[in-house]
Amino acid sequence: MTPWIRAAACIVLAAACVLSSQAQADGDAPPAPSQAAREAPPLKDCTRLNGRIGYYGNPWCTPAEQARWDRWEARRFGAK
């Protein structure tokens, strides 16, 4: 190989390494806090049981857990 081809190959290889490391670093970035809060449901599923006439809650959830679930569900359905 001639020296200028070898030098050009080294430059291209170095540029490829730098660009791939930047792309990998950008891909590992966590999502924005607002997106994470919107997408992630609460840890406990407090879907309300029974419907029109009966009980409108979940017996296995505390009132705070139920309120947290209701707020998440309202944001999820309101975003559409």
C-alpha atoms as a PDB file:
ATOM      1  CA  MET A   1       0.000   0.000   0.000  1.00  0.00           C
ATOM      2  CA  THR A   2       1.087   3.482  -0.648  1.00  0.00           C
ATOM      3  CA  PRO A   3       1.535   5.779   2.344  1.00  0.00           C
ATOM      4  CA  TRP A   4      -1.340   8.102   1.427  1.00  0.00           C
ATOM      5  CA  ILE A   5      -3.826   5.198   1.137  1.00  0.00           C
ATOM      6  CA  ARG A   6      -2.676   3.876   4.503  1.00  0.00           C
ATOM      7  CA  ALA A   7      -3.059   7.353   6.053  1.00  0.00           C
ATOM      8  CA  ALA A   8      -6.542   7.763   4.549  1.00  0.00           C
ATOM      9  CA  ALA A   9      -7.564   4.334   5.859  1.00  0.00           C
ATOM     10  CA  CYS A  10      -6.360   5.262   9.358  1.00  0.00           C
ATOM     11  CA  ILE A  11      -8.314   8.527   9.263  1.00  0.00           C
ATOM     12  CA  VAL A  12     -11.486   6.750   8.135  1.00  0.00           C
ATOM     13  CA  LEU A  13     -11.059   4.094  10.815  1.00  0.00           C
ATOM     14  CA  ALA A  14     -10.510   6.708  13.533  1.00  0.00           C
ATOM     15  CA  ALA A  15     -13.583   8.672  12.405  1.00  0.00           C
ATOM     16  CA  ALA A  16     -15.698   5.517  12.435  1.00  0.00           C
ATOM     17  CA  CYS A  17     -14.577   4.681  15.984  1.00  0.00           C
ATOM     18  CA  VAL A  18     -15.362   8.177  17.242  1.00  0.00           C
ATOM     19  CA  LEU A  19     -18.798   8.266  15.591  1.00  0.00           C
ATOM     20  CA  SER A  20     -19.761   4.806  16.836  1.00  0.00           C
ATOM     21  CA  SER A  21     -18.747   5.641  20.404  1.00  0.00           C
ATOM     22  CA  GLN A  22     -20.826   8.839  20.290  1.00  0.00           C
ATOM     23  CA  ALA A  23     -23.828   6.955  18.920  1.00  0.00           C
ATOM     24  CA  GLN A  24     -23.489   4.320  21.630  1.00  0.00           C
ATOM     25  CA  ALA A  25     -23.233   6.984  24.337  1.00  0.00           C
ATOM     26  CA  ASP A  26     -26.374   8.702  23.035  1.00  0.00           C
ATOM     27  CA  GLY A  27     -28.243   5.391  22.953  1.00  0.00           C
ATOM     28  CA  ASP A  28     -27.453   4.671  26.613  1.00  0.00           C
ATOM     29  CA  ALA A  29     -28.931   7.959  27.834  1.00  0.00           C
ATOM     30  CA  PRO A  30     -31.979   7.534  30.091  1.00  0.00           C
ATOM     31  CA  PRO A  31     -35.282   9.002  28.902  1.00  0.00           C
ATOM     32  CA  ALA A  32     -36.348  12.428  30.031  1.00  0.00           C
ATOM     33  CA  PRO A  33     -38.044  12.455  33.465  1.00  0.00           C
ATOM     34  CA  SER A  34     -41.366  13.584  32.026  1.00  0.00           C
ATOM     35  CA  GLN A  35     -41.419  10.665  29.568  1.00  0.00           C
ATOM     36  CA  ALA A  36     -40.462   8.138  32.222  1.00  0.00           C
ATOM     37  CA  ALA A  37     -43.169   9.363  34.587  1.00  0.00           C
ATOM     38  CA  ARG A  38     -45.773   9.282  31.828  1.00  0.00           C
ATOM     39  CA  GLU A  39     -44.944   5.808  30.546  1.00  0.00           C
ATOM     40  CA  ALA A  40     -44.163   3.867  33.708  1.00  0.00           C
ATOM     41  CA  PRO A  41     -47.212   2.615  35.602  1.00  0.00           C
ATOM     42  CA  PRO A  42     -47.209   2.514  39.398  1.00  0.00           C
ATOM     43  CA  LEU A  43     -45.671  -0.583  40.953  1.00  0.00           C
ATOM     44  CA  LYS A  44     -49.009  -1.925  42.160  1.00  0.00           C
ATOM     45  CA  ASP A  45     -51.938  -2.497  39.796  1.00  0.00           C
ATOM     46  CA  CYS A  46     -54.979  -0.915  41.437  1.00  0.00           C
ATOM     47  CA  THR A  47     -57.470  -1.326  38.615  1.00  0.00           C
ATOM     48  CA  ARG A  48     -60.930  -0.614  39.959  1.00  0.00           C
ATOM     49  CA  LEU A  49     -63.235  -3.612  40.282  1.00  0.00           C
ATOM     50  CA  ASN A  50     -66.950  -3.919  39.512  1.00  0.00           C
ATOM     51  CA  GLY A  51     -68.573  -1.276  37.494  1.00  0.00           C
ATOM     52  CA  ARG A  52     -71.802   0.571  37.165  1.00  0.00           C
ATOM     53  CA  ILE A  53     -73.695  -0.481  40.252  1.00  0.00           C
ATOM     54  CA  GLY A  54     -71.289  -2.020  42.746  1.00  0.00           C
ATOM     55  CA  TYR A  55     -67.963  -1.350  44.354  1.00  0.00           C
ATOM     56  CA  TYR A  56     -65.732   1.172  42.593  1.00  0.00           C
ATOM     57  CA  GLY A  57     -62.351   0.415  44.113  1.00  0.00           C
ATOM     58  CA  ASN A  58     -59.814  -2.318  44.712  1.00  0.00           C
ATOM     59  CA  PRO A  59     -59.857  -4.058  48.116  1.00  0.00           C
ATOM     60  CA  TRP A  60     -56.116  -4.806  47.960  1.00  0.00           C
ATOM     61  CA  CYS A  61     -55.024  -1.171  47.540  1.00  0.00           C
ATOM     62  CA  THR A  62     -54.767   1.601  50.100  1.00  0.00           C
ATOM     63  CA  PRO A  63     -56.466   4.925  49.295  1.00  0.00           C
ATOM     64  CA  ALA A  64     -53.059   6.456  48.454  1.00  0.00           C
ATOM     65  CA  GLU A  65     -52.204   3.606  46.066  1.00  0.00           C
ATOM     66  CA  GLN A  66     -55.642   3.868  44.476  1.00  0.00           C
ATOM     67  CA  ALA A  67     -55.240   7.630  43.960  1.00  0.00           C
ATOM     68  CA  ARG A  68     -51.783   7.125  42.425  1.00  0.00           C
ATOM     69  CA  TRP A  69     -53.181   4.520  40.011  1.00  0.00           C
ATOM     70  CA  ASP A  70     -56.144   6.726  39.097  1.00  0.00           C
ATOM     71  CA  ARG A  71     -53.868   9.694  38.301  1.00  0.00           C
ATOM     72  CA  TRP A  72     -51.628   7.511  36.114  1.00  0.00           C
ATOM     73  CA  GLU A  73     -54.602   6.039  34.298  1.00  0.00           C
ATOM     74  CA  ALA A  74     -56.131   9.486  33.707  1.00  0.00           C
ATOM     75  CA  ARG A  75     -52.843  10.712  32.179  1.00  0.00           C
ATOM     76  CA  ARG A  76     -52.595   7.578  30.045  1.00  0.00           C
ATOM     77  CA  PHE A  77     -56.099   7.912  28.620  1.00  0.00           C
ATOM     78  CA  GLY A  78     -55.989  11.709  28.448  1.00  0.00           C
ATOM     79  CA  ALA A  79     -52.876  11.755  26.255  1.00  0.00           C
ATOM     80  CA  LYS A  80     -54.718  10.303  23.262  1.00  0.00           C
END
